[in-house]
PDB file of N, CA and C in Angstrom:
ATOM      1  N   MET A   1      -5.071  -9.211  -0.724  1.00  0.00           N
ATOM      2  CA  MET A   1      -3.876  -9.350  -1.527  1.00  0.00           C
ATOM      3  C   MET A   1      -2.707  -8.756  -0.736  1.00  0.00           C
ATOM      4  N   GLN A   2      -1.553  -9.374  -0.835  1.00  0.00           N
ATOM      5  CA  GLN A   2      -0.370  -8.893  -0.139  1.00  0.00           C
ATOM      6  C   GLN A   2       0.665  -8.373  -1.131  1.00  0.00           C
ATOM      7  N   ALA A   3       1.499  -7.458  -0.648  1.00  0.00           N
ATOM      8  CA  ALA A   3       2.553  -6.885  -1.481  1.00  0.00           C
ATOM      9  C   ALA A   3       3.658  -6.337  -0.589  1.00  0.00           C
ATOM     10  N   THR A   4       4.720  -5.848  -1.226  1.00  0.00           N
ATOM     11  CA  THR A   4       5.854  -5.245  -0.535  1.00  0.00           C
ATOM     12  C   THR A   4       5.970  -3.792  -0.976  1.00  0.00           C
ATOM     13  N   VAL A   5       6.168  -2.893  -0.015  1.00  0.00           N
ATOM     14  CA  VAL A   5       6.309  -1.475  -0.337  1.00  0.00           C
ATOM     15  C   VAL A   5       7.599  -1.276  -1.123  1.00  0.00           C
ATOM     16  N   ALA A   6       7.485  -0.699  -2.324  1.00  0.00           N
ATOM     17  CA  ALA A   6       8.652  -0.434  -3.171  1.00  0.00           C
ATOM     18  C   ALA A   6       9.088   1.018  -3.045  1.00  0.00           C
ATOM     19  N   THR A   7       8.121   1.936  -3.022  1.00  0.00           N
ATOM     20  CA  THR A   7       8.420   3.357  -2.834  1.00  0.00           C
ATOM     21  C   THR A   7       7.336   3.959  -1.950  1.00  0.00           C
ATOM     22  N   PHE A   8       7.700   5.011  -1.215  1.00  0.00           N
ATOM     23  CA  PHE A   8       6.721   5.748  -0.416  1.00  0.00           C
ATOM     24  C   PHE A   8       7.228   7.155  -0.198  1.00  0.00           C
ATOM     25  N   SER A   9       6.362   8.137  -0.435  1.00  0.00           N
ATOM     26  CA  SER A   9       6.679   9.536  -0.174  1.00  0.00           C
ATOM     27  C   SER A   9       5.802  10.016   0.975  1.00  0.00           C
ATOM     28  N   ALA A  10       6.416  10.348   2.103  1.00  0.00           N
ATOM     29  CA  ALA A  10       5.663  10.875   3.240  1.00  0.00           C
ATOM     30  C   ALA A  10       5.050  12.223   2.888  1.00  0.00           C
ATOM     31  N   GLU A  11       5.684  12.929   1.983  1.00  0.00           N
ATOM     32  CA  GLU A  11       5.206  14.254   1.573  1.00  0.00           C
ATOM     33  C   GLU A  11       3.871  14.160   0.816  1.00  0.00           C
ATOM     34  N   THR A  12       3.776  13.229  -0.138  1.00  0.00           N
ATOM     35  CA  THR A  12       2.549  13.080  -0.930  1.00  0.00           C
ATOM     36  C   THR A  12       1.645  11.973  -0.403  1.00  0.00           C
ATOM     37  N   ARG A  13       2.153  11.165   0.536  1.00  0.00           N
ATOM     38  CA  ARG A  13       1.449  10.018   1.103  1.00  0.00           C
ATOM     39  C   ARG A  13       1.038   9.012   0.019  1.00  0.00           C
ATOM     40  N   SER A  14       1.880   8.865  -0.979  1.00  0.00           N
ATOM     41  CA  SER A  14       1.608   7.932  -2.073  1.00  0.00           C
ATOM     42  C   SER A  14       2.868   7.123  -2.360  1.00  0.00           C
ATOM     43  N   GLY A  15       2.711   6.089  -3.179  1.00  0.00           N
ATOM     44  CA  GLY A  15       3.876   5.280  -3.512  1.00  0.00           C
ATOM     45  C   GLY A  15       3.511   4.122  -4.402  1.00  0.00           C
ATOM     46  N   THR A  16       4.358   3.103  -4.387  1.00  0.00           N
ATOM     47  CA  THR A  16       4.129   1.905  -5.179  1.00  0.00           C
ATOM     48  C   THR A  16       4.397   0.671  -4.324  1.00  0.00           C
ATOM     49  N   VAL A  17       3.744  -0.412  -4.716  1.00  0.00           N
ATOM     50  CA  VAL A  17       3.968  -1.702  -4.074  1.00  0.00           C
ATOM     51  C   VAL A  17       4.328  -2.709  -5.151  1.00  0.00           C
ATOM     52  N   LEU A  18       5.059  -3.710  -4.757  1.00  0.00           N
ATOM     53  CA  LEU A  18       5.474  -4.779  -5.656  1.00  0.00           C
ATOM     54  C   LEU A  18       4.726  -6.044  -5.260  1.00  0.00           C
ATOM     55  N   LEU A  19       3.917  -6.551  -6.191  1.00  0.00           N
ATOM     56  CA  LEU A  19       3.183  -7.788  -5.932  1.00  0.00           C
ATOM     57  C   LEU A  19       4.135  -8.974  -5.992  1.00  0.00           C
ATOM     58  N   ASP A  20       3.719 -10.071  -5.422  1.00  0.00           N
ATOM     59  CA  ASP A  20       4.575 -11.262  -5.392  1.00  0.00           C
ATOM     60  C   ASP A  20       4.880 -11.800  -6.784  1.00  0.00           C
ATOM     61  N   ASP A  21       4.024 -11.475  -7.775  1.00  0.00           N
ATOM     62  CA  ASP A  21       4.280 -11.936  -9.145  1.00  0.00           C
ATOM     63  C   ASP A  21       5.138 -10.951  -9.938  1.00  0.00           C
ATOM     64  N   GLY A  22       5.634  -9.895  -9.282  1.00  0.00           N
ATOM     65  CA  GLY A  22       6.530  -8.945  -9.919  1.00  0.00           C
ATOM     66  C   GLY A  22       5.858  -7.700 -10.463  1.00  0.00           C
ATOM     67  N   ARG A  23       4.523  -7.683 -10.504  1.00  0.00           N
ATOM     68  CA  ARG A  23       3.827  -6.478 -10.984  1.00  0.00           C
ATOM     69  C   ARG A  23       3.922  -5.364  -9.950  1.00  0.00           C
ATOM     70  N   ARG A  24       3.937  -4.142 -10.452  1.00  0.00           N
ATOM     71  CA  ARG A  24       4.020  -2.962  -9.595  1.00  0.00           C
ATOM     72  C   ARG A  24       2.697  -2.207  -9.694  1.00  0.00           C
ATOM     73  N   LEU A  25       2.141  -1.830  -8.530  1.00  0.00           N
ATOM     74  CA  LEU A  25       0.916  -1.036  -8.473  1.00  0.00           C
ATOM     75  C   LEU A  25       1.189   0.242  -7.708  1.00  0.00           C
ATOM     76  N   SER A  26       0.551   1.310  -8.125  1.00  0.00           N
ATOM     77  CA  SER A  26       0.660   2.589  -7.426  1.00  0.00           C
ATOM     78  C   SER A  26      -0.497   2.730  -6.453  1.00  0.00           C
ATOM     79  N   PHE A  27      -0.261   3.482  -5.382  1.00  0.00           N
ATOM     80  CA  PHE A  27      -1.358   3.849  -4.482  1.00  0.00           C
ATOM     81  C   PHE A  27      -1.273   5.339  -4.225  1.00  0.00           C
ATOM     82  N   ASP A  28      -2.438   5.939  -4.024  1.00  0.00           N
ATOM     83  CA  ASP A  28      -2.490   7.383  -3.807  1.00  0.00           C
ATOM     84  C   ASP A  28      -2.732   7.699  -2.331  1.00  0.00           C
ATOM     85  N   ALA A  29      -2.795   8.981  -2.023  1.00  0.00           N
ATOM     86  CA  ALA A  29      -2.954   9.426  -0.643  1.00  0.00           C
ATOM     87  C   ALA A  29      -4.244   8.915  -0.017  1.00  0.00           C
ATOM     88  N   SER A  30      -5.311   8.820  -0.797  1.00  0.00           N
ATOM     89  CA  SER A  30      -6.577   8.362  -0.210  1.00  0.00           C
ATOM     90  C   SER A  30      -6.474   6.909   0.248  1.00  0.00           C
ATOM     91  N   ALA A  31      -5.796   6.061  -0.501  1.00  0.00           N
ATOM     92  CA  ALA A  31      -5.601   4.666  -0.078  1.00  0.00           C
ATOM     93  C   ALA A  31      -4.739   4.611   1.178  1.00  0.00           C
ATOM     94  N   PHE A  32      -3.678   5.424   1.221  1.00  0.00           N
ATOM     95  CA  PHE A  32      -2.817   5.443   2.403  1.00  0.00           C
ATOM     96  C   PHE A  32      -3.569   5.989   3.612  1.00  0.00           C
ATOM     97  N   ASP A  33      -4.346   7.040   3.436  1.00  0.00           N
ATOM     98  CA  ASP A  33      -5.065   7.656   4.556  1.00  0.00           C
ATOM     99  C   ASP A  33      -6.052   6.693   5.206  1.00  0.00           C
ATOM    100  N   ARG A  34      -6.602   5.765   4.440  1.00  0.00           N
ATOM    101  CA  ARG A  34      -7.519   4.769   5.008  1.00  0.00           C
ATOM    102  C   ARG A  34      -6.810   3.832   5.988  1.00  0.00           C
ATOM    103  N   SER A  35      -5.492   3.748   5.905  1.00  0.00           N
ATOM    104  CA  SER A  35      -4.742   2.809   6.749  1.00  0.00           C
ATOM    105  C   SER A  35      -4.652   3.268   8.195  1.00  0.00           C
ATOM    106  N   GLY A  36      -4.668   4.582   8.411  1.00  0.00           N
ATOM    107  CA  GLY A  36      -4.447   5.092   9.760  1.00  0.00           C
ATOM    108  C   GLY A  36      -2.979   5.098  10.156  1.00  0.00           C
ATOM    109  N   LEU A  37      -2.103   4.628   9.258  1.00  0.00           N
ATOM    110  CA  LEU A  37      -0.663   4.621   9.534  1.00  0.00           C
ATOM    111  C   LEU A  37      -0.088   6.014   9.310  1.00  0.00           C
ATOM    112  N   ARG A  38       1.065   6.265   9.892  1.00  0.00           N
ATOM    113  CA  ARG A  38       1.752   7.539   9.684  1.00  0.00           C
ATOM    114  C   ARG A  38       2.882   7.421   8.685  1.00  0.00           C
ATOM    115  N   MET A  39       3.350   6.204   8.435  1.00  0.00           N
ATOM    116  CA  MET A  39       4.520   6.005   7.580  1.00  0.00           C
ATOM    117  C   MET A  39       4.545   4.571   7.083  1.00  0.00           C
ATOM    118  N   LEU A  40       5.194   4.370   5.963  1.00  0.00           N
ATOM    119  CA  LEU A  40       5.499   3.033   5.458  1.00  0.00           C
ATOM    120  C   LEU A  40       6.995   2.964   5.212  1.00  0.00           C
ATOM    121  N   ARG A  41       7.583   1.803   5.466  1.00  0.00           N
ATOM    122  CA  ARG A  41       9.006   1.585   5.210  1.00  0.00           C
ATOM    123  C   ARG A  41       9.178   0.803   3.915  1.00  0.00           C
ATOM    124  N   LEU A  42      10.227   1.102   3.185  1.00  0.00           N
ATOM    125  CA  LEU A  42      10.549   0.310   2.003  1.00  0.00           C
ATOM    126  C   LEU A  42      10.784  -1.135   2.434  1.00  0.00           C
ATOM    127  N   GLY A  43      10.221  -2.070   1.704  1.00  0.00           N
ATOM    128  CA  GLY A  43      10.363  -3.478   2.038  1.00  0.00           C
ATOM    129  C   GLY A  43       9.309  -4.000   2.989  1.00  0.00           C
ATOM    130  N   GLN A  44       8.492  -3.122   3.545  1.00  0.00           N
ATOM    131  CA  GLN A  44       7.445  -3.534   4.479  1.00  0.00           C
ATOM    132  C   GLN A  44       6.347  -4.294   3.736  1.00  0.00           C
ATOM    133  N   ARG A  45       5.859  -5.368   4.348  1.00  0.00           N
ATOM    134  CA  ARG A  45       4.757  -6.128   3.769  1.00  0.00           C
ATOM    135  C   ARG A  45       3.438  -5.462   4.154  1.00  0.00           C
ATOM    136  N   VAL A  46       2.529  -5.403   3.185  1.00  0.00           N
ATOM    137  CA  VAL A  46       1.220  -4.805   3.408  1.00  0.00           C
ATOM    138  C   VAL A  46       0.144  -5.712   2.835  1.00  0.00           C
ATOM    139  N   VAL A  47      -1.063  -5.520   3.324  1.00  0.00           N
ATOM    140  CA  VAL A  47      -2.246  -6.164   2.775  1.00  0.00           C
ATOM    141  C   VAL A  47      -3.057  -5.054   2.100  1.00  0.00           C
ATOM    142  N   MET A  48      -3.681  -5.379   0.960  1.00  0.00           N
ATOM    143  CA  MET A  48      -4.365  -4.336   0.188  1.00  0.00           C
ATOM    144  C   MET A  48      -5.711  -4.824  -0.311  1.00  0.00           C
ATOM    145  N   ARG A  49      -6.572  -3.850  -0.575  1.00  0.00           N
ATOM    146  CA  ARG A  49      -7.796  -4.103  -1.322  1.00  0.00           C
ATOM    147  C   ARG A  49      -7.597  -3.460  -2.681  1.00  0.00           C
ATOM    148  N   VAL A  50      -7.670  -4.270  -3.739  1.00  0.00           N
ATOM    149  CA  VAL A  50      -7.478  -3.783  -5.109  1.00  0.00           C
ATOM    150  C   VAL A  50      -8.780  -3.989  -5.877  1.00  0.00           C
ATOM    151  N   VAL A  51      -9.270  -2.913  -6.490  1.00  0.00           N
ATOM    152  CA  VAL A  51     -10.498  -2.965  -7.282  1.00  0.00           C
ATOM    153  C   VAL A  51     -10.171  -2.455  -8.679  1.00  0.00           C
ATOM    154  N   ASP A  52     -10.413  -3.282  -9.680  1.00  0.00           N
ATOM    155  CA  ASP A  52     -10.139  -2.930 -11.075  1.00  0.00           C
ATOM    156  C   ASP A  52      -8.706  -2.426 -11.273  1.00  0.00           C
ATOM    157  N   GLY A  53      -7.746  -3.092 -10.612  1.00  0.00           N
ATOM    158  CA  GLY A  53      -6.337  -2.744 -10.768  1.00  0.00           C
ATOM    159  C   GLY A  53      -5.891  -1.524  -9.988  1.00  0.00           C
ATOM    160  N   ARG A  54      -6.783  -0.963  -9.171  1.00  0.00           N
ATOM    161  CA  ARG A  54      -6.454   0.237  -8.388  1.00  0.00           C
ATOM    162  C   ARG A  54      -6.443  -0.110  -6.904  1.00  0.00           C
ATOM    163  N   VAL A  55      -5.381   0.316  -6.196  1.00  0.00           N
ATOM    164  CA  VAL A  55      -5.298   0.084  -4.757  1.00  0.00           C
ATOM    165  C   VAL A  55      -6.288   1.025  -4.076  1.00  0.00           C
ATOM    166  N   GLU A  56      -7.304   0.446  -3.436  1.00  0.00           N
ATOM    167  CA  GLU A  56      -8.327   1.227  -2.744  1.00  0.00           C
ATOM    168  C   GLU A  56      -7.974   1.444  -1.270  1.00  0.00           C
ATOM    169  N   ALA A  57      -7.290   0.475  -0.682  1.00  0.00           N
ATOM    170  CA  ALA A  57      -6.915   0.552   0.733  1.00  0.00           C
ATOM    171  C   ALA A  57      -5.709  -0.343   0.966  1.00  0.00           C
ATOM    172  N   LEU A  58      -4.890   0.032   1.918  1.00  0.00           N
ATOM    173  CA  LEU A  58      -3.771  -0.808   2.312  1.00  0.00           C
ATOM    174  C   LEU A  58      -3.496  -0.625   3.787  1.00  0.00           C
ATOM    175  N   ASN A  59      -2.836  -1.589   4.373  1.00  0.00           N
ATOM    176  CA  ASN A  59      -2.505  -1.525   5.791  1.00  0.00           C
ATOM    177  C   ASN A  59      -1.369  -2.491   6.081  1.00  0.00           C
ATOM    178  N   HIS A  60      -0.779  -2.315   7.249  1.00  0.00           N
ATOM    179  CA  HIS A  60       0.237  -3.238   7.738  1.00  0.00           C
ATOM    180  C   HIS A  60      -0.361  -4.639   7.717  1.00  0.00           C
ATOM    181  N   ILE A  61       0.414  -5.614   7.401  1.00  0.00           N
ATOM    182  CA  ILE A  61      -0.093  -6.970   7.203  1.00  0.00           C
ATOM    183  C   ILE A  61      -0.780  -7.539   8.448  1.00  0.00           C
ATOM    184  N   ALA A  62      -0.429  -7.082   9.641  1.00  0.00           N
ATOM    185  CA  ALA A  62      -1.017  -7.604  10.868  1.00  0.00           C
ATOM    186  C   ALA A  62      -2.276  -6.850  11.286  1.00  0.00           C
ATOM    187  N   LEU A  63      -2.644  -5.791  10.548  1.00  0.00           N
ATOM    188  CA  LEU A  63      -3.806  -4.976  10.906  1.00  0.00           C
ATOM    189  C   LEU A  63      -4.916  -5.149   9.873  1.00  0.00           C
ATOM    190  N   PRO A  64      -6.186  -5.017  10.300  1.00  0.00           N
ATOM    191  CA  PRO A  64      -7.298  -5.160   9.343  1.00  0.00           C
ATOM    192  C   PRO A  64      -7.390  -3.955   8.402  1.00  0.00           C
ATOM    193  N   LEU A  65      -8.021  -4.163   7.246  1.00  0.00           N
ATOM    194  CA  LEU A  65      -8.214  -3.071   6.301  1.00  0.00           C
ATOM    195  C   LEU A  65      -9.301  -2.114   6.746  1.00  0.00           C
ATOM    196  N   ASP A  66     -10.310  -2.589   7.422  1.00  0.00           N
ATOM    197  CA  ASP A  66     -11.419  -1.731   7.850  1.00  0.00           C
ATOM    198  C   ASP A  66     -11.503  -1.645   9.338  1.00  0.00           C
TER     199      ASP A  66
END
């Protein structure tokens, strides 16, 4: 699933993404830590694994999730 970064806190390593259908999902530090990234920019496109409405993993759209 793809989305756009809406908010990101480098301090808490958490934020929200906006799905293409307008829904907003939150992600926590554990989902961000799985990415191996150091930062996300507002407006950046990401690919995510969502399980039961919860973001389990996310990464830059050009990079694999695992």
